Every structure is written in structure tokens, then in C-alpha cells.
Protein backbone atom coordinates (compact mmCIF):
# COMPACT_ATOMS: atom_id res chain seq x y z
CA UNK A 1 17.86 -15.59 -11.09
CA UNK A 2 15.84 -12.41 -10.76
CA UNK A 3 17.80 -9.37 -10.48
CA UNK A 4 16.31 -7.18 -7.77
CA UNK A 5 17.60 -4.13 -9.06
CA UNK A 6 15.80 -4.80 -12.57
CA UNK A 7 12.68 -5.54 -10.43
CA UNK A 8 10.45 -2.05 -10.70
CA UNK A 9 9.05 -1.83 -7.11
CA UNK A 10 5.47 -0.58 -6.88
CA UNK A 11 3.25 -0.03 -3.86
CA UNK A 12 -0.24 0.57 -3.35
CA UNK A 13 -1.29 3.63 -0.63
CA UNK A 14 -4.92 3.14 0.67
CA UNK A 15 -7.25 5.37 1.91
CA UNK A 16 -10.33 7.23 2.03
CA UNK A 17 -8.18 10.04 2.31
CA UNK A 18 -11.64 12.13 3.23
CA UNK A 19 -10.15 14.51 3.91
CA UNK A 20 -6.10 14.17 2.51
CA UNK A 21 -4.30 15.25 5.73
CA UNK A 22 -0.45 16.24 6.49
CA UNK A 23 -0.35 13.51 8.53
CA UNK A 24 -1.41 11.52 4.60
CA UNK A 25 1.28 13.70 2.96
CA UNK A 26 4.38 12.52 5.18
CA UNK A 27 3.66 8.69 4.69
CA UNK A 28 3.52 9.56 1.09
CA UNK A 29 6.31 11.76 0.87
CA UNK A 30 8.03 8.76 2.70
CA UNK A 31 6.83 6.09 0.30
CA UNK A 32 8.15 7.97 -2.35
CA UNK A 33 11.68 7.18 -1.33
CA UNK A 34 11.09 3.24 -0.94
CA UNK A 35 8.91 2.38 -4.03
CA UNK A 36 9.76 3.31 -8.16
CA UNK A 37 6.00 3.95 -8.19
CA UNK A 38 3.52 4.63 -5.69
CA UNK A 39 -0.13 4.39 -6.73
CA UNK A 40 -2.40 6.02 -4.26
CA UNK A 41 -5.45 4.23 -3.89
CA UNK A 42 -8.55 6.52 -3.11
CA UNK A 43 -11.46 4.23 -1.48
CA UNK A 44 -14.97 4.61 -2.70
CA UNK A 45 -15.93 3.52 0.79
CA UNK A 46 -19.79 4.34 1.73
CA UNK A 47 -19.94 3.06 4.85
CA UNK A 48 -17.87 5.98 5.74
CA UNK A 49 -19.75 8.34 4.75
CA UNK A 50 -16.99 10.23 2.75
CA UNK A 51 -17.67 14.34 2.77
CA UNK A 52 -16.72 14.87 -0.75
CA UNK A 53 -17.29 12.39 -3.62
CA UNK A 54 -14.37 10.25 -5.58
CA UNK A 55 -13.78 12.46 -8.04
CA UNK A 56 -13.05 15.66 -5.40
CA UNK A 57 -10.93 13.02 -3.38
CA UNK A 58 -9.07 12.25 -6.37
CA UNK A 59 -8.55 15.66 -7.42
CA UNK A 60 -7.25 17.30 -4.20
CA UNK A 61 -4.91 15.10 -3.67
CA UNK A 62 -3.83 15.93 -7.29
CA UNK A 63 -3.41 19.42 -5.88
CA UNK A 64 -2.40 18.93 -2.91
CA UNK A 65 1.03 17.11 -4.34
CA UNK A 66 1.69 19.46 -6.57
CA UNK A 67 1.40 21.96 -3.83
CA UNK A 68 3.82 20.35 -1.51
CA UNK A 69 6.40 18.33 -3.89
CA UNK A 70 6.20 21.45 -6.58
CA UNK A 71 7.62 21.46 -9.79
CA UNK A 72 8.89 17.39 -9.19
CA UNK A 73 5.66 16.22 -8.69
CA UNK A 74 4.44 17.71 -12.15
CA UNK A 75 7.71 16.07 -13.71
CA UNK A 76 6.64 12.37 -12.24
CA UNK A 77 3.13 13.36 -12.83
CA UNK A 78 4.23 14.16 -16.82
CA UNK A 79 6.52 11.06 -16.92
CA UNK A 80 3.94 8.66 -15.39
CA UNK A 81 6.77 7.29 -13.79
CA UNK A 82 6.60 7.41 -9.53
CA UNK A 83 3.20 8.83 -8.49
CA UNK A 84 -0.51 7.97 -9.87
CA UNK A 85 -3.69 8.91 -7.94
CA UNK A 86 -6.53 6.14 -8.73
CA UNK A 87 -9.76 5.12 -7.38
CA UNK A 88 -11.33 2.19 -6.61
CA UNK A 89 -13.94 0.09 -4.91
CA UNK A 90 -13.40 -3.43 -4.65
CA UNK A 91 -10.87 -5.73 -2.82
CA UNK A 92 -7.54 -4.22 -1.51
CA UNK A 93 -5.52 -7.36 -2.56
CA UNK A 94 -7.15 -6.78 -6.11
CA UNK A 95 -6.44 -3.57 -6.82
CA UNK A 96 -3.16 -3.77 -5.25
CA UNK A 97 -2.91 -6.83 -8.21
CA UNK A 98 -4.64 -4.69 -10.95
CA UNK A 99 -2.11 -2.38 -10.34
CA UNK A 100 0.80 -4.63 -10.63
CA UNK A 101 1.76 -3.60 -6.84
CA UNK A 102 3.88 -6.02 -4.46
CA UNK A 103 3.41 -3.95 -1.47
CA UNK A 104 0.72 -2.27 0.45
CA UNK A 105 1.74 0.88 2.23
CA UNK A 106 -0.21 1.54 5.63
CA UNK A 107 0.76 4.81 8.10
CA UNK A 108 0.34 4.03 11.87
CA UNK A 109 -0.46 6.65 14.05
CA UNK A 110 -0.95 4.71 17.98
CA UNK A 111 -1.66 1.78 19.09
CA UNK A 112 -5.01 1.13 18.22
CA UNK A 113 -4.18 1.54 14.51
CA UNK A 114 -1.35 -1.00 14.65
CA UNK A 115 -3.65 -4.11 16.15
CA UNK A 116 -6.65 -2.66 13.30
CA UNK A 117 -3.99 -3.31 11.07
CA UNK A 118 -2.26 -5.82 11.77
CA UNK A 119 -5.77 -7.81 11.75
CA UNK A 120 -5.79 -5.86 8.21
CA UNK A 121 -2.04 -7.43 7.12
CA UNK A 122 -3.18 -10.98 8.29
CA UNK A 123 -5.81 -11.51 6.15
CA UNK A 124 -4.75 -9.76 2.97
CA UNK A 125 -1.65 -12.30 3.70
CA UNK A 126 -3.91 -14.89 3.60
CA UNK A 127 -5.74 -13.46 0.36
CA UNK A 128 -2.68 -12.91 -1.14
CA UNK A 129 0.89 -14.04 0.20
CA UNK A 130 2.62 -12.60 -2.53
CA UNK A 131 1.76 -9.20 -1.74
CA UNK A 132 3.53 -7.93 1.28
CA UNK A 133 2.67 -4.83 3.78
CA UNK A 134 4.80 -1.89 4.88
CA UNK A 135 3.96 -0.01 8.33
CA UNK A 136 5.52 3.49 8.36
CA UNK A 137 5.45 5.05 11.84
CA UNK A 138 3.60 8.55 11.59
CA UNK A 139 5.79 11.34 12.55
CA UNK A 140 5.32 12.85 16.10
CA UNK A 141 3.72 16.33 14.85
CA UNK A 142 1.10 14.12 12.70
CA UNK A 143 0.09 10.89 15.18
CA UNK A 144 -2.80 13.29 16.50
CA UNK A 145 -4.22 13.80 12.75
CA UNK A 146 -7.35 12.09 12.02
CA UNK A 147 -9.83 12.76 9.32
CA UNK A 148 -12.47 11.97 11.51
CA UNK A 149 -11.23 14.39 13.70
CA UNK A 150 -10.07 17.31 11.07
CA UNK A 151 -13.91 16.75 9.61
CA UNK A 152 -15.08 17.42 12.63
CA UNK A 153 -13.04 20.59 13.71
CA UNK A 154 -13.80 22.24 10.80
CA UNK A 155 -17.17 21.63 10.98
CA UNK A 156 -17.67 23.16 14.15
CA UNK A 157 -15.62 25.84 13.08
CA UNK A 158 -12.62 25.26 14.28
CA UNK A 159 -9.01 26.07 12.72
CA UNK A 160 -7.73 23.23 10.60
CA UNK A 161 -4.77 24.76 8.96
CA UNK A 162 -1.89 23.02 11.34
CA UNK A 163 -3.44 19.54 9.87
CA UNK A 164 -4.00 19.95 6.54
CA UNK A 165 -2.24 21.04 3.29
CA UNK A 166 -3.55 23.85 1.41
CA UNK A 167 -5.77 22.25 -0.98
CA UNK A 168 -7.77 20.69 1.88
CA UNK A 169 -8.01 24.08 3.04
CA UNK A 170 -9.43 25.41 0.37
CA UNK A 171 -11.90 22.45 0.21
CA UNK A 172 -13.48 22.90 3.65
CA UNK A 173 -13.78 27.10 2.70
CA UNK A 174 -15.96 26.25 0.00
CA UNK A 175 -18.10 24.34 1.69
CA UNK A 176 -19.17 27.27 4.21
């Protein structure tokens, strides 16, 4: 019999993260409490026409986490035990398996997110029955934050400082 306490719980939190928002950070911080290791998978996903390259998005996530989590993030990153940020460009369940994760973590802001995510969850269950999906509901202050809306507000000159971490804000400032 397997002792569940001896099994390392690895979660995979996928997204385009273009840009990373306070909503994403909230899900990451809450997911850390649920797993022993969290893989943040940054999808290439050219169909979404990302504003920044995959490498820039990975770097921005590292920067945002370092600022948000402070010394604890640097320790976790140094020890390579709790958080990894990786790029991926293949089927989600294949990336989850590649990193030996057993659970996909998804954030839900509203009912429309659930409908889309539930459908994807069912497909993933068919493709990889051994991988579970956990849905984390966005906190009230983050329910309205979507990367696409943040980009639009920023491109029209609006103030996005309450929606994104400082690292993301600096990236937008460099664009203007």
C-alpha cells in the first residue's frame, strides 16, 4: 500500500500569462499550499497573439513571484523544490506528464470560465485518466481581472496598477 504522505504532490498551473495578473498570482499563492511542487506552465499559444515572447513571459513571472513572495521565493527557487516556471508548446496532458505532475490547477473567475474549463477537464480525463483537475475560484477582488482586458486597458492608456504585479506594470511602461 502507498503511503500518501510519501508521494510528492506535483501540480501544473497552465496559462498564457500574457500578462501575468494579480489574479494569476492569487491562484499561484493558493496552489502552493495544496501541492509539494508547483509547475507554472507558460503556453506558447500563438493563436492568442501574445504581446510578449514566451521567454519574456517566463521572466516576468519569475520577477513577479520574487517581488510578491520575497525571500521565500528565492529560497524555493534556489532549492528547486517548490516552484518552477517552464514554457510548453504541446498538449497540456503531455506537459503535465513530462513534469511528473498529477494535478492540473485552473482558476475560475465566473460561470463562463467554468463552462470552458469543465469541457477541457472532461477531454483531459479522457486523454489522461490518472491526471486530476482542481478548480480554484478567484477571490472577489480578482474576479474581473482578465489578461485580455488588462492589455486593452493598458493600450488605451488606462491605469492597470491595481490589476497587475509591479513586474507586469514595468513591462507595459517599456512599451510606451
